Structures are given as structure tokens and as C-alpha cells.
């Protein structure tokens, strides 16, 4: 697993465990929490929390079952989602900064 890729994902707002999990899921295609833990070495007690958080963000898809299977969002879709979120935040910040600088 490329440490540079993990660092780049962290710069985009991923935690280290989220980055390792996402990259692991892309490598595995689809996996159970146990398989993700074994592949990524994200501590097993943390894997479920990381996956749940990433699902809420829309970075991971879940196929319910016993056990549940997880799949990482396609890289093109992920980068487009991150780009839109970043641009929205940037525009909101710009508006607020302009408002503050006008003394209002």
C-alpha cells in the first residue's frame, strides 16, 4: 500500500484508517470487515466504525448480509465528489470572509 497515496488521501480529509480502508477496498474489489482488517491492518475494533463513517460520507457501498460486504466508491466518482465538496466549502468560506472584511 503506497504511503504517498495514503498521505494524499489524508490531505483530502481522510483519516489514516479511512485512507487505508479505501485503498484496501479498491484492491480487494469487495470484502468483509474481517478481510479489510487482514489486508489493511486497520485495528479490527476500528474497522466497523471506519466503514460506517465512510458509508455516511458516500465513500463506501454496503451489501447487507451475514457477513456484510463492502465496496469502495469508484475512484472517478470519489474524486468528483471530493472536488464538488471542496469547491462548495471554498465558495462558502469566500462569502463569509468577504462579509467579515466588509465590517458587517
Protein backbone atom coordinates (compact mmCIF):
# COMPACT_ATOMS: atom_id res chain seq x y z
CA UNK A 1 0.00 0.00 0.00
CA UNK A 2 1.56 3.28 -1.14
CA UNK A 3 2.31 5.62 1.75
CA UNK A 4 2.19 8.57 -0.71
CA UNK A 5 -1.36 7.62 -1.71
CA UNK A 6 -2.37 7.38 1.96
CA UNK A 7 -0.81 10.81 2.60
CA UNK A 8 -2.63 12.32 -0.39
CA UNK A 9 -5.97 10.96 0.79
CA UNK A 10 -5.28 12.39 4.24
CA UNK A 11 -4.67 15.80 2.66
CA UNK A 12 -8.15 15.44 1.17
CA UNK A 13 -9.70 14.90 4.60
CA UNK A 14 -9.46 11.14 5.13
CA UNK A 15 -8.14 9.81 8.41
CA UNK A 16 -5.26 7.35 8.08
CA UNK A 17 -7.62 4.43 8.80
CA UNK A 18 -10.15 5.70 6.24
CA UNK A 19 -7.43 6.06 3.62
CA UNK A 20 -6.05 2.58 4.29
CA UNK A 21 -9.56 1.12 4.23
CA UNK A 22 -10.50 2.83 0.96
CA UNK A 23 -7.29 1.77 -0.80
CA UNK A 24 -7.71 -1.75 0.59
CA UNK A 25 -11.27 -1.93 -0.72
CA UNK A 26 -10.17 -0.87 -4.18
CA UNK A 27 -7.52 -3.60 -4.15
CA UNK A 28 -9.90 -6.26 -2.82
CA UNK A 29 -12.85 -5.10 -5.01
CA UNK A 30 -15.36 -6.21 -2.34
CA UNK A 31 -14.63 -7.52 1.15
CA UNK A 32 -15.92 -8.28 4.61
CA UNK A 33 -14.76 -6.25 7.61
CA UNK A 34 -12.50 -9.15 8.61
CA UNK A 35 -10.88 -9.27 5.17
CA UNK A 36 -10.38 -5.50 5.23
CA UNK A 37 -8.72 -5.75 8.65
CA UNK A 38 -6.41 -8.55 7.47
CA UNK A 39 -5.43 -6.70 4.29
CA UNK A 40 -5.06 -3.15 5.66
CA UNK A 41 -4.01 -3.86 9.25
CA UNK A 42 -6.54 -1.29 10.45
CA UNK A 43 -7.24 -2.47 14.01
CA UNK A 44 -10.20 -4.84 13.94
CA UNK A 45 -12.20 -2.96 16.63
CA UNK A 46 -11.95 0.19 14.49
CA UNK A 47 -12.84 -1.29 11.10
CA UNK A 48 -16.63 -1.22 11.62
CA UNK A 49 -16.62 2.38 12.83
CA UNK A 50 -14.43 3.47 9.92
CA UNK A 51 -16.68 1.67 7.43
CA UNK A 52 -19.83 3.17 8.96
CA UNK A 53 -18.36 6.68 8.83
CA UNK A 54 -17.23 6.19 5.23
CA UNK A 55 -20.65 4.86 4.22
CA UNK A 56 -22.28 8.01 5.65
CA UNK A 57 -19.87 10.13 3.60
CA UNK A 58 -20.74 8.13 0.48
CA UNK A 59 -17.25 6.67 0.03
CA UNK A 60 -18.25 3.04 0.64
CA UNK A 61 -21.17 0.91 -0.53
CA UNK A 62 -22.55 -1.86 1.69
CA UNK A 63 -24.14 -5.11 0.60
CA UNK A 64 -26.06 -6.27 3.66
CA UNK A 65 -25.86 -9.90 4.69
CA UNK A 66 -24.13 -12.25 7.10
CA UNK A 67 -21.43 -11.15 6.77
CA UNK A 68 -21.87 -7.74 5.15
CA UNK A 69 -19.67 -6.93 2.16
CA UNK A 70 -18.16 -3.53 1.50
CA UNK A 71 -17.03 -1.90 -1.73
CA UNK A 72 -15.15 1.37 -2.26
CA UNK A 73 -16.68 4.06 -4.43
CA UNK A 74 -15.21 4.16 -7.93
CA UNK A 75 -12.12 6.47 -7.92
CA UNK A 76 -13.62 8.75 -10.60
CA UNK A 77 -16.81 9.15 -8.59
CA UNK A 78 -14.86 9.71 -5.38
CA UNK A 79 -12.63 12.40 -6.83
CA UNK A 80 -15.62 14.17 -8.41
CA UNK A 81 -17.48 14.05 -5.09
CA UNK A 82 -14.45 15.44 -3.23
CA UNK A 83 -13.98 18.15 -5.87
CA UNK A 84 -17.61 19.31 -5.54
CA UNK A 85 -17.45 19.29 -1.74
CA UNK A 86 -14.19 21.26 -1.78
CA UNK A 87 -15.48 23.87 -4.22
CA UNK A 88 -18.67 24.30 -2.21
CA UNK A 89 -16.67 24.81 1.01
CA UNK A 90 -14.28 27.17 -0.74
CA UNK A 91 -17.14 29.32 -2.07
CA UNK A 92 -18.88 29.39 1.31
CA UNK A 93 -15.64 30.40 3.01
CA UNK A 94 -15.01 33.15 0.43
CA UNK A 95 -18.51 34.58 1.02
CA UNK A 96 -18.05 34.58 4.78
CA UNK A 97 -14.59 36.16 4.55
CA UNK A 98 -15.89 38.89 2.26
CA UNK A 99 -18.74 39.54 4.69
CA UNK A 100 -16.27 39.83 7.59
CA UNK A 101 -13.88 42.06 5.64
CA UNK A 102 -16.71 44.48 4.86
CA UNK A 103 -17.11 45.06 8.61
CA UNK A 104 -20.53 43.52 8.86
